[in-house]
């Protein structure tokens, strides 16, 4: 007889209120295990490979300066300034 079947036969001998309490305790136990497993999987998730972008641009870019430069160019084109 497997352990599962042994436990099931023992549970059948419990009163209904004890069976319900056992179900609640088992559900809480499983919830904790699932939550712990979820946390472990989040911690072991691979990080994005940022090294693939290293050297993609020939020089570091100042994002704000780049944005301002693009806006100035756009304004010159719109207003026909030189």
N, C-alpha and C. Protein backbone atom coordinates (compact mmCIF):
# COMPACT_ATOMS: atom_id res chain seq x y z
N UNK A 1 0.85 -1.18 0.00
CA UNK A 1 0.00 0.00 0.00
C UNK A 1 0.90 1.24 0.00
N UNK A 2 0.57 2.19 -0.85
CA UNK A 2 1.36 3.41 -0.93
C UNK A 2 1.07 4.32 0.26
N UNK A 3 1.98 5.24 0.49
CA UNK A 3 1.80 6.19 1.59
C UNK A 3 0.50 6.98 1.40
N UNK A 4 0.25 7.38 0.14
CA UNK A 4 -0.97 8.14 -0.15
C UNK A 4 -2.20 7.34 0.27
N UNK A 5 -2.26 6.07 -0.11
CA UNK A 5 -3.42 5.24 0.24
C UNK A 5 -3.54 5.03 1.74
N UNK A 6 -2.40 4.90 2.42
CA UNK A 6 -2.43 4.76 3.88
C UNK A 6 -3.02 6.01 4.52
N UNK A 7 -2.55 7.15 4.06
CA UNK A 7 -3.06 8.41 4.63
C UNK A 7 -4.54 8.57 4.32
N UNK A 8 -4.94 8.23 3.09
CA UNK A 8 -6.35 8.35 2.72
C UNK A 8 -7.22 7.47 3.60
N UNK A 9 -6.78 6.27 3.88
CA UNK A 9 -7.59 5.39 4.74
C UNK A 9 -7.66 5.93 6.16
N UNK A 10 -6.58 6.57 6.63
CA UNK A 10 -6.61 7.18 7.96
C UNK A 10 -7.55 8.39 7.98
N UNK A 11 -7.54 9.18 6.90
CA UNK A 11 -8.41 10.35 6.83
C UNK A 11 -9.88 9.93 6.82
N UNK A 12 -10.17 8.82 6.19
CA UNK A 12 -11.56 8.33 6.15
C UNK A 12 -12.06 7.98 7.54
N UNK A 13 -11.16 7.73 8.46
CA UNK A 13 -11.56 7.39 9.83
C UNK A 13 -11.81 8.64 10.68
N UNK A 14 -11.43 9.81 10.17
CA UNK A 14 -11.65 11.05 10.91
C UNK A 14 -13.11 11.48 10.82
N UNK A 15 -13.53 12.29 11.79
CA UNK A 15 -14.87 12.87 11.74
C UNK A 15 -14.89 13.92 10.62
N UNK A 16 -16.07 14.24 10.08
CA UNK A 16 -16.14 15.24 9.00
C UNK A 16 -15.51 16.58 9.37
N UNK A 17 -15.71 17.06 10.62
CA UNK A 17 -15.11 18.33 11.00
C UNK A 17 -13.58 18.24 11.02
N UNK A 18 -13.05 17.08 11.41
CA UNK A 18 -11.60 16.89 11.40
C UNK A 18 -11.07 16.82 9.96
N UNK A 19 -11.85 16.20 9.09
CA UNK A 19 -11.46 16.13 7.67
C UNK A 19 -11.40 17.54 7.07
N UNK A 20 -12.40 18.36 7.39
CA UNK A 20 -12.40 19.74 6.89
C UNK A 20 -11.20 20.52 7.42
N UNK A 21 -10.90 20.34 8.70
CA UNK A 21 -9.74 21.03 9.28
C UNK A 21 -8.45 20.56 8.60
N UNK A 22 -8.36 19.28 8.32
CA UNK A 22 -7.19 18.74 7.63
C UNK A 22 -7.06 19.34 6.23
N UNK A 23 -8.18 19.45 5.54
CA UNK A 23 -8.16 20.05 4.19
C UNK A 23 -7.67 21.49 4.26
N UNK A 24 -8.15 22.25 5.24
CA UNK A 24 -7.72 23.64 5.39
C UNK A 24 -6.23 23.73 5.68
N UNK A 25 -5.74 22.85 6.56
CA UNK A 25 -4.32 22.85 6.89
C UNK A 25 -3.47 22.45 5.68
N UNK A 26 -3.93 21.46 4.92
CA UNK A 26 -3.20 21.05 3.72
C UNK A 26 -3.18 22.16 2.67
N UNK A 27 -4.31 22.85 2.52
CA UNK A 27 -4.37 23.95 1.55
C UNK A 27 -3.40 25.06 1.94
N UNK A 28 -3.32 25.38 3.23
CA UNK A 28 -2.39 26.41 3.69
C UNK A 28 -0.95 25.96 3.44
N UNK A 29 -0.66 24.70 3.70
CA UNK A 29 0.68 24.16 3.47
C UNK A 29 1.07 24.27 2.00
N UNK A 30 0.17 23.88 1.12
CA UNK A 30 0.45 23.92 -0.32
C UNK A 30 0.61 25.37 -0.78
N UNK A 31 -0.23 26.29 -0.28
CA UNK A 31 -0.09 27.70 -0.65
C UNK A 31 1.29 28.25 -0.28
N UNK A 32 1.76 27.90 0.92
CA UNK A 32 3.09 28.37 1.34
C UNK A 32 4.17 27.80 0.43
N UNK A 33 4.05 26.53 0.08
CA UNK A 33 5.05 25.91 -0.79
C UNK A 33 5.04 26.53 -2.18
N UNK A 34 3.85 26.80 -2.71
CA UNK A 34 3.75 27.43 -4.03
C UNK A 34 4.32 28.84 -3.98
N UNK A 35 4.03 29.58 -2.92
CA UNK A 35 4.57 30.94 -2.80
C UNK A 35 6.09 30.91 -2.72
N UNK A 36 6.64 29.97 -1.97
CA UNK A 36 8.10 29.86 -1.86
C UNK A 36 8.71 29.50 -3.20
N UNK A 37 8.06 28.60 -3.93
CA UNK A 37 8.56 28.20 -5.25
C UNK A 37 8.51 29.37 -6.21
N UNK A 38 7.43 30.17 -6.13
CA UNK A 38 7.31 31.34 -7.01
C UNK A 38 8.42 32.34 -6.72
N UNK A 39 8.72 32.56 -5.44
CA UNK A 39 9.79 33.48 -5.07
C UNK A 39 11.13 32.97 -5.59
N UNK A 40 11.37 31.66 -5.47
CA UNK A 40 12.63 31.09 -5.95
C UNK A 40 12.76 31.27 -7.45
N UNK A 41 11.67 31.06 -8.19
CA UNK A 41 11.75 31.17 -9.64
C UNK A 41 11.99 32.62 -10.06
N UNK A 42 11.46 33.58 -9.29
CA UNK A 42 11.71 34.98 -9.61
C UNK A 42 13.18 35.33 -9.37
N UNK A 43 13.75 34.77 -8.32
CA UNK A 43 15.14 35.08 -7.99
C UNK A 43 16.10 34.41 -8.95
N UNK A 44 15.71 33.30 -9.56
CA UNK A 44 16.61 32.58 -10.46
C UNK A 44 16.36 32.91 -11.92
N UNK A 45 15.47 33.84 -12.18
CA UNK A 45 15.18 34.24 -13.56
C UNK A 45 16.44 34.87 -14.16
N UNK A 46 16.78 34.49 -15.37
CA UNK A 46 18.00 35.05 -15.97
C UNK A 46 17.86 36.55 -16.22
N UNK A 47 18.95 37.26 -15.99
CA UNK A 47 18.96 38.70 -16.22
C UNK A 47 19.09 38.96 -17.71
N UNK A 48 18.57 40.09 -18.18
CA UNK A 48 18.72 40.40 -19.61
C UNK A 48 20.19 40.55 -19.95
N UNK A 49 20.56 40.13 -21.14
CA UNK A 49 21.95 40.21 -21.58
C UNK A 49 22.23 41.61 -22.09
N UNK A 50 22.62 42.49 -21.17
CA UNK A 50 22.89 43.87 -21.55
C UNK A 50 24.23 44.01 -22.25
N UNK A 51 25.10 43.01 -22.09
CA UNK A 51 26.41 43.07 -22.74
C UNK A 51 26.29 43.08 -24.26
N UNK A 52 25.19 42.56 -24.78
CA UNK A 52 25.04 42.53 -26.24
C UNK A 52 24.96 43.94 -26.82
N UNK A 53 24.59 44.92 -25.99
CA UNK A 53 24.49 46.29 -26.47
C UNK A 53 25.77 47.08 -26.24
N UNK A 54 26.71 46.52 -25.49
CA UNK A 54 27.96 47.22 -25.21
C UNK A 54 28.70 47.44 -26.52
N UNK A 55 29.10 48.66 -26.77
CA UNK A 55 29.81 48.97 -28.00
C UNK A 55 28.91 49.15 -29.20
N UNK A 56 27.61 49.12 -29.01
CA UNK A 56 26.68 49.28 -30.13
C UNK A 56 26.82 50.67 -30.73
N UNK A 57 26.97 51.67 -29.87
CA UNK A 57 27.20 53.04 -30.33
C UNK A 57 28.69 53.34 -30.21
N UNK A 58 29.18 54.19 -31.08
CA UNK A 58 30.61 54.48 -31.07
C UNK A 58 31.02 55.30 -29.86
N UNK A 59 30.07 55.99 -29.23
CA UNK A 59 30.39 56.81 -28.06
C UNK A 59 29.18 56.87 -27.15
N UNK A 60 29.38 57.18 -25.87
CA UNK A 60 28.24 57.33 -24.97
C UNK A 60 27.35 58.49 -25.43
N UNK A 61 26.06 58.34 -25.22
CA UNK A 61 25.10 59.35 -25.66
C UNK A 61 24.43 59.97 -24.43
N UNK A 62 24.40 61.30 -24.42
CA UNK A 62 23.63 62.03 -23.40
C UNK A 62 22.21 62.15 -23.96
N UNK A 63 21.30 61.42 -23.37
CA UNK A 63 19.94 61.34 -23.92
C UNK A 63 19.26 62.70 -23.97
N UNK A 64 19.42 63.51 -22.93
CA UNK A 64 18.77 64.83 -22.92
C UNK A 64 19.36 65.73 -24.00
N UNK A 65 20.68 65.75 -24.12
CA UNK A 65 21.31 66.57 -25.16
C UNK A 65 20.88 66.11 -26.55
N UNK A 66 20.78 64.80 -26.74
CA UNK A 66 20.34 64.26 -28.02
C UNK A 66 18.92 64.71 -28.34
N UNK A 67 18.05 64.64 -27.34
CA UNK A 67 16.66 65.04 -27.53
C UNK A 67 16.56 66.53 -27.87
N UNK A 68 17.32 67.35 -27.16
CA UNK A 68 17.30 68.79 -27.43
C UNK A 68 17.83 69.09 -28.83
N UNK A 69 18.86 68.38 -29.24
CA UNK A 69 19.41 68.57 -30.59
C UNK A 69 18.38 68.21 -31.66
N UNK A 70 17.70 67.10 -31.47
CA UNK A 70 16.68 66.68 -32.44
C UNK A 70 15.57 67.73 -32.51
N UNK A 71 15.15 68.25 -31.36
CA UNK A 71 14.10 69.27 -31.35
C UNK A 71 14.55 70.53 -32.08
N UNK A 72 15.79 70.93 -31.87
CA UNK A 72 16.31 72.12 -32.55
C UNK A 72 16.32 71.90 -34.06
N UNK A 73 16.76 70.72 -34.48
CA UNK A 73 16.77 70.42 -35.92
C UNK A 73 15.36 70.43 -36.48
N UNK A 74 14.43 69.85 -35.74
CA UNK A 74 13.05 69.81 -36.20
C UNK A 74 12.49 71.23 -36.29
N UNK A 75 12.76 72.06 -35.28
CA UNK A 75 12.28 73.44 -35.30
C UNK A 75 12.87 74.21 -36.48
N UNK A 76 14.14 73.98 -36.78
CA UNK A 76 14.75 74.67 -37.93
C UNK A 76 14.06 74.24 -39.22
N UNK A 77 13.74 72.97 -39.35
CA UNK A 77 13.08 72.49 -40.56
C UNK A 77 11.67 73.06 -40.67
N UNK A 78 10.96 73.10 -39.55
CA UNK A 78 9.58 73.59 -39.56
C UNK A 78 9.54 75.09 -39.83
N UNK A 79 10.43 75.84 -39.22
CA UNK A 79 10.41 77.29 -39.33
C UNK A 79 11.38 77.79 -40.39
N UNK A 80 11.99 76.88 -41.13
CA UNK A 80 12.92 77.20 -42.22
C UNK A 80 14.05 78.10 -41.76
N UNK A 81 14.52 77.84 -40.56
CA UNK A 81 15.65 78.59 -40.05
C UNK A 81 16.93 77.88 -40.48
N UNK A 82 18.01 78.61 -40.46
CA UNK A 82 19.28 77.96 -40.77
C UNK A 82 20.27 78.13 -39.66
